[in-house]
């Protein structure tokens, strides 16, 4: 059985807090090089969400889309990014935790544990 899972955590570095209620969608690049939508999730009060559970996560290239425009609009904050796409190659038999450090005019990411 494939035991891998994929999760994320969003931190709004402009306020030093987790970004709650941010919609995140996950797509996978298929055999004909087109993105196939898999699911949507929403971050919890701690800015975390499980994107793909074991058995839903075969090796491949995935796109995580963080819909941050609505998050900032709720706070009346202007942002350069209505959405942020991260494309990751998940070909190892491991868990993937992909945090997003966010502010209205920049972001960074890394592979966490």
N, C-alpha and C. Protein backbone atom coordinates (compact mmCIF):
# COMPACT_ATOMS: atom_id res chain seq x y z
N UNK A 1 0.84 -1.19 0.00
CA UNK A 1 0.00 0.00 0.00
C UNK A 1 0.88 1.25 0.00
N UNK A 2 0.48 2.24 -0.75
CA UNK A 2 1.18 3.51 -0.84
C UNK A 2 0.87 4.32 0.41
N UNK A 3 1.89 4.62 1.24
CA UNK A 3 1.67 5.30 2.51
C UNK A 3 1.93 6.79 2.44
N UNK A 4 2.17 7.31 1.26
CA UNK A 4 2.47 8.74 1.16
C UNK A 4 1.23 9.59 1.36
N UNK A 5 1.47 10.80 1.87
CA UNK A 5 0.43 11.81 1.96
C UNK A 5 1.06 13.16 1.67
N UNK A 6 0.22 14.13 1.35
CA UNK A 6 0.69 15.48 1.04
C UNK A 6 -0.10 16.46 1.89
N UNK A 7 0.61 17.37 2.53
CA UNK A 7 -0.04 18.38 3.38
C UNK A 7 0.64 19.73 3.18
N UNK A 8 0.01 20.77 3.73
CA UNK A 8 0.57 22.11 3.64
C UNK A 8 0.28 22.89 4.91
N UNK A 9 0.94 24.01 5.03
CA UNK A 9 0.78 24.92 6.16
C UNK A 9 1.08 26.31 5.61
N UNK A 10 0.19 27.27 5.83
CA UNK A 10 0.40 28.63 5.32
C UNK A 10 0.58 29.58 6.50
N UNK A 11 1.69 30.31 6.46
CA UNK A 11 1.97 31.33 7.47
C UNK A 11 2.00 32.69 6.79
N UNK A 12 1.21 33.63 7.29
CA UNK A 12 1.22 34.99 6.78
C UNK A 12 2.29 35.75 7.56
N UNK A 13 3.45 35.92 6.94
CA UNK A 13 4.58 36.53 7.63
C UNK A 13 4.38 38.04 7.84
N UNK A 14 3.42 38.65 7.15
CA UNK A 14 3.18 40.08 7.34
C UNK A 14 2.49 40.37 8.68
N UNK A 15 1.83 39.37 9.24
CA UNK A 15 1.16 39.55 10.54
C UNK A 15 1.67 38.54 11.58
N UNK A 16 2.53 37.63 11.16
CA UNK A 16 3.08 36.65 12.09
C UNK A 16 2.09 35.62 12.57
N UNK A 17 1.12 35.26 11.71
CA UNK A 17 0.09 34.30 12.10
C UNK A 17 -0.19 33.32 10.97
N UNK A 18 -0.83 32.23 11.34
CA UNK A 18 -1.28 31.25 10.34
C UNK A 18 -2.37 31.87 9.48
N UNK A 19 -2.41 31.46 8.22
CA UNK A 19 -3.45 31.93 7.30
C UNK A 19 -4.58 30.90 7.28
N UNK A 20 -5.65 31.21 7.97
CA UNK A 20 -6.79 30.31 8.07
C UNK A 20 -7.77 30.53 6.92
N UNK A 21 -8.50 29.49 6.61
CA UNK A 21 -9.58 29.53 5.60
C UNK A 21 -9.11 29.90 4.20
N UNK A 22 -7.93 29.44 3.84
CA UNK A 22 -7.43 29.64 2.48
C UNK A 22 -7.72 28.37 1.68
N UNK A 23 -8.33 28.54 0.53
CA UNK A 23 -8.65 27.41 -0.34
C UNK A 23 -7.38 26.98 -1.07
N UNK A 24 -7.14 25.68 -1.10
CA UNK A 24 -5.99 25.10 -1.80
C UNK A 24 -6.52 24.00 -2.71
N UNK A 25 -6.17 24.06 -3.98
CA UNK A 25 -6.57 23.01 -4.91
C UNK A 25 -5.34 22.23 -5.34
N UNK A 26 -5.55 20.95 -5.63
CA UNK A 26 -4.47 20.06 -6.04
C UNK A 26 -4.81 19.46 -7.40
N UNK A 27 -3.84 19.52 -8.29
CA UNK A 27 -3.97 18.91 -9.62
C UNK A 27 -2.75 18.03 -9.86
N UNK A 28 -2.90 17.08 -10.77
CA UNK A 28 -1.80 16.17 -11.14
C UNK A 28 -1.63 16.21 -12.65
N UNK A 29 -0.39 16.25 -13.11
CA UNK A 29 -0.09 16.24 -14.53
C UNK A 29 -0.29 14.81 -15.04
N UNK A 30 -1.19 14.66 -16.03
CA UNK A 30 -1.49 13.32 -16.52
C UNK A 30 -0.56 12.91 -17.67
N UNK A 31 -0.84 11.74 -18.24
CA UNK A 31 0.02 11.15 -19.28
C UNK A 31 0.11 12.01 -20.53
N UNK A 32 -0.93 12.81 -20.80
CA UNK A 32 -0.91 13.64 -22.01
C UNK A 32 -0.54 15.09 -21.69
N UNK A 33 0.11 15.26 -20.53
CA UNK A 33 0.64 16.56 -20.10
C UNK A 33 -0.43 17.62 -19.89
N UNK A 34 -1.57 17.21 -19.35
CA UNK A 34 -2.63 18.13 -18.97
C UNK A 34 -2.88 18.00 -17.47
N UNK A 35 -3.26 19.11 -16.86
CA UNK A 35 -3.53 19.10 -15.42
C UNK A 35 -4.91 18.51 -15.16
N UNK A 36 -4.96 17.53 -14.29
CA UNK A 36 -6.23 16.91 -13.87
C UNK A 36 -6.48 17.30 -12.41
N UNK A 37 -7.59 17.99 -12.19
CA UNK A 37 -7.94 18.44 -10.85
C UNK A 37 -8.26 17.23 -9.97
N UNK A 38 -7.71 17.21 -8.76
CA UNK A 38 -7.94 16.09 -7.84
C UNK A 38 -8.87 16.44 -6.68
N UNK A 39 -8.59 17.57 -6.04
CA UNK A 39 -9.43 17.95 -4.91
C UNK A 39 -9.14 19.36 -4.46
N UNK A 40 -10.04 19.88 -3.66
CA UNK A 40 -9.87 21.18 -3.02
C UNK A 40 -9.94 20.97 -1.51
N UNK A 41 -9.20 21.77 -0.80
CA UNK A 41 -9.20 21.72 0.67
C UNK A 41 -9.14 23.16 1.17
N UNK A 42 -9.28 23.30 2.48
CA UNK A 42 -9.21 24.63 3.08
C UNK A 42 -8.37 24.54 4.34
N UNK A 43 -7.52 25.56 4.55
CA UNK A 43 -6.70 25.54 5.75
C UNK A 43 -7.56 25.74 7.00
N UNK A 44 -7.14 25.09 8.07
CA UNK A 44 -7.85 25.21 9.34
C UNK A 44 -7.39 26.46 10.09
N UNK A 45 -7.81 26.62 11.32
CA UNK A 45 -7.47 27.80 12.12
C UNK A 45 -5.96 27.94 12.32
N UNK A 46 -5.23 26.83 12.24
CA UNK A 46 -3.78 26.84 12.39
C UNK A 46 -3.07 26.95 11.03
N UNK A 47 -3.83 27.19 9.96
CA UNK A 47 -3.24 27.35 8.63
C UNK A 47 -2.83 26.05 7.97
N UNK A 48 -3.27 24.92 8.50
CA UNK A 48 -2.85 23.61 8.00
C UNK A 48 -3.97 22.89 7.26
N UNK A 49 -3.59 22.05 6.31
CA UNK A 49 -4.58 21.14 5.73
C UNK A 49 -3.89 19.94 5.08
N UNK A 50 -4.59 18.83 5.13
CA UNK A 50 -4.17 17.61 4.47
C UNK A 50 -4.71 17.68 3.05
N UNK A 51 -3.83 17.57 2.07
CA UNK A 51 -4.24 17.70 0.68
C UNK A 51 -4.56 16.36 0.05
N UNK A 52 -3.70 15.38 0.26
CA UNK A 52 -3.92 14.04 -0.29
C UNK A 52 -3.57 13.01 0.76
N UNK A 53 -4.45 12.07 0.96
CA UNK A 53 -4.24 11.01 1.94
C UNK A 53 -3.58 9.81 1.29
N UNK A 54 -3.06 8.88 2.10
CA UNK A 54 -2.50 7.66 1.53
C UNK A 54 -3.50 6.99 0.59
N UNK A 55 -3.00 6.48 -0.51
CA UNK A 55 -3.85 5.84 -1.50
C UNK A 55 -4.36 6.80 -2.57
N UNK A 56 -4.27 8.11 -2.32
CA UNK A 56 -4.70 9.12 -3.28
C UNK A 56 -3.51 9.79 -3.94
N UNK A 57 -2.33 9.30 -3.71
CA UNK A 57 -1.12 10.06 -3.98
C UNK A 57 -0.05 9.24 -4.70
N UNK A 58 -0.29 8.84 -5.96
CA UNK A 58 0.75 8.12 -6.69
C UNK A 58 1.89 9.06 -7.10
N UNK A 59 3.02 8.50 -7.45
CA UNK A 59 4.14 9.32 -7.93
C UNK A 59 3.69 10.17 -9.10
N UNK A 60 4.25 11.35 -9.21
CA UNK A 60 3.93 12.22 -10.33
C UNK A 60 4.24 13.68 -10.04
N UNK A 61 3.84 14.53 -10.96
CA UNK A 61 4.03 15.96 -10.81
C UNK A 61 2.69 16.58 -10.42
N UNK A 62 2.71 17.35 -9.35
CA UNK A 62 1.51 17.93 -8.78
C UNK A 62 1.58 19.45 -8.78
N UNK A 63 0.42 20.08 -8.89
CA UNK A 63 0.32 21.54 -8.79
C UNK A 63 -0.59 21.87 -7.61
N UNK A 64 -0.04 22.63 -6.68
CA UNK A 64 -0.82 23.12 -5.55
C UNK A 64 -1.14 24.58 -5.85
N UNK A 65 -2.41 24.92 -5.85
CA UNK A 65 -2.81 26.29 -6.10
C UNK A 65 -3.39 26.86 -4.81
N UNK A 66 -2.73 27.89 -4.31
CA UNK A 66 -3.15 28.56 -3.09
C UNK A 66 -3.94 29.81 -3.51
N UNK A 67 -5.23 29.83 -3.20
CA UNK A 67 -6.11 30.91 -3.61
C UNK A 67 -6.08 32.01 -2.53
N UNK A 68 -5.02 32.80 -2.55
CA UNK A 68 -4.76 33.77 -1.48
C UNK A 68 -5.44 35.12 -1.71
N UNK A 69 -5.92 35.38 -2.92
CA UNK A 69 -6.59 36.65 -3.19
C UNK A 69 -7.78 36.89 -2.28
N UNK A 70 -8.61 35.89 -2.10
CA UNK A 70 -9.78 36.00 -1.22
C UNK A 70 -9.37 36.22 0.23
N UNK A 71 -8.29 35.56 0.65
CA UNK A 71 -7.77 35.72 2.02
C UNK A 71 -7.43 37.19 2.27
N UNK A 72 -6.70 37.80 1.34
CA UNK A 72 -6.32 39.20 1.51
C UNK A 72 -7.50 40.15 1.31
N UNK A 73 -8.40 39.85 0.39
CA UNK A 73 -9.58 40.70 0.18
C UNK A 73 -10.42 40.80 1.45
N UNK A 74 -10.55 39.68 2.18
CA UNK A 74 -11.29 39.67 3.45
C UNK A 74 -10.68 40.62 4.46
N UNK A 75 -9.39 40.84 4.36
CA UNK A 75 -8.66 41.69 5.30
C UNK A 75 -8.43 43.10 4.76
N UNK A 76 -9.01 43.38 3.59
CA UNK A 76 -8.82 44.68 2.93
C UNK A 76 -7.35 45.00 2.71
N UNK A 77 -6.59 43.98 2.29
CA UNK A 77 -5.17 44.13 2.03
C UNK A 77 -4.93 43.89 0.54
N UNK A 78 -4.25 44.82 -0.10
CA UNK A 78 -3.92 44.67 -1.52
C UNK A 78 -2.77 43.67 -1.63
N UNK A 79 -2.87 42.78 -2.64
CA UNK A 79 -1.84 41.78 -2.86
C UNK A 79 -1.49 41.70 -4.34
N UNK A 80 -0.29 41.31 -4.62
CA UNK A 80 0.14 41.09 -6.00
C UNK A 80 -0.36 39.74 -6.52
N UNK A 81 -0.65 38.83 -5.62
CA UNK A 81 -0.94 37.44 -5.99
C UNK A 81 -2.39 37.05 -5.70
N UNK A 82 -3.24 36.93 -6.71
CA UNK A 82 -4.58 36.39 -6.47
C UNK A 82 -4.53 34.89 -6.20
N UNK A 83 -3.52 34.23 -6.77
CA UNK A 83 -3.31 32.79 -6.54
C UNK A 83 -1.83 32.50 -6.73
N UNK A 84 -1.36 31.47 -6.05
CA UNK A 84 0.03 31.05 -6.15
C UNK A 84 0.05 29.58 -6.52
N UNK A 85 0.70 29.25 -7.64
CA UNK A 85 0.86 27.86 -8.08
C UNK A 85 2.25 27.37 -7.70
N UNK A 86 2.30 26.22 -7.05
CA UNK A 86 3.56 25.54 -6.77
C UNK A 86 3.51 24.21 -7.48
N UNK A 87 4.51 23.93 -8.29
CA UNK A 87 4.57 22.66 -9.01
C UNK A 87 5.70 21.84 -8.41
N UNK A 88 5.36 20.62 -7.98
CA UNK A 88 6.32 19.78 -7.27
C UNK A 88 6.35 18.38 -7.88
N UNK A 89 7.52 17.81 -7.89
CA UNK A 89 7.72 16.45 -8.39
C UNK A 89 7.79 15.52 -7.20
N UNK A 90 6.76 14.75 -7.01
CA UNK A 90 6.65 13.84 -5.86
C UNK A 90 6.82 12.41 -6.35
N UNK A 91 8.07 12.02 -6.54
CA UNK A 91 8.33 10.71 -7.12
C UNK A 91 8.94 9.74 -6.14
N UNK A 92 9.18 10.16 -4.93
CA UNK A 92 9.76 9.26 -3.94
C UNK A 92 8.65 8.69 -3.07
N UNK A 93 8.92 7.58 -2.43
CA UNK A 93 7.94 6.95 -1.54
C UNK A 93 8.03 7.58 -0.15
N UNK A 94 7.62 8.86 -0.08
CA UNK A 94 7.73 9.63 1.16
C UNK A 94 6.51 10.53 1.32
N UNK A 95 6.36 11.05 2.53
CA UNK A 95 5.36 12.08 2.77
C UNK A 95 5.90 13.41 2.26
N UNK A 96 4.99 14.30 1.85
CA UNK A 96 5.37 15.63 1.42
C UNK A 96 4.58 16.66 2.20
N UNK A 97 5.30 17.53 2.88
CA UNK A 97 4.70 18.65 3.59
C UNK A 97 5.28 19.90 2.94
N UNK A 98 4.43 20.73 2.32
CA UNK A 98 4.89 21.87 1.53
C UNK A 98 4.33 23.15 2.15
N UNK A 99 5.07 23.77 3.08
CA UNK A 99 4.61 25.02 3.68
C UNK A 99 4.77 26.20 2.70
N UNK A 100 3.91 27.21 2.92
CA UNK A 100 3.97 28.45 2.15
C UNK A 100 4.09 29.59 3.15
N UNK A 101 5.18 30.35 3.04
CA UNK A 101 5.37 31.55 3.84
C UNK A 101 4.94 32.72 2.95
N UNK A 102 3.95 33.45 3.40
CA UNK A 102 3.22 34.37 2.54
C UNK A 102 3.22 35.79 3.08
N UNK A 103 3.32 36.76 2.18
CA UNK A 103 3.02 38.14 2.49
C UNK A 103 2.40 38.74 1.24
N UNK A 104 1.80 39.93 1.31
CA UNK A 104 1.06 40.44 0.15
C UNK A 104 1.88 40.60 -1.13
N UNK A 105 3.19 40.76 -1.02
CA UNK A 105 3.99 41.02 -2.21
C UNK A 105 5.16 40.07 -2.36
N UNK A 106 5.09 38.91 -1.71
CA UNK A 106 6.14 37.91 -1.85
C UNK A 106 5.75 36.63 -1.14
N UNK A 107 6.46 35.58 -1.48
CA UNK A 107 6.24 34.30 -0.82
C UNK A 107 7.48 33.43 -0.97
N UNK A 108 7.59 32.44 -0.12
CA UNK A 108 8.62 31.42 -0.26
C UNK A 108 8.02 30.09 0.20
N UNK A 109 8.69 29.04 -0.18
CA UNK A 109 8.21 27.71 0.15
C UNK A 109 9.41 26.79 0.31
N UNK A 110 9.17 25.62 0.87
CA UNK A 110 10.22 24.63 1.05
C UNK A 110 9.57 23.29 1.30
N UNK A 111 10.35 22.25 1.26
CA UNK A 111 9.83 20.93 1.61
C UNK A 111 10.06 20.71 3.09
N UNK A 112 8.97 20.62 3.83
CA UNK A 112 9.06 20.40 5.27
C UNK A 112 8.98 18.93 5.59
N UNK A 113 8.80 18.65 6.88
CA UNK A 113 8.71 17.27 7.34
C UNK A 113 7.35 17.00 7.95
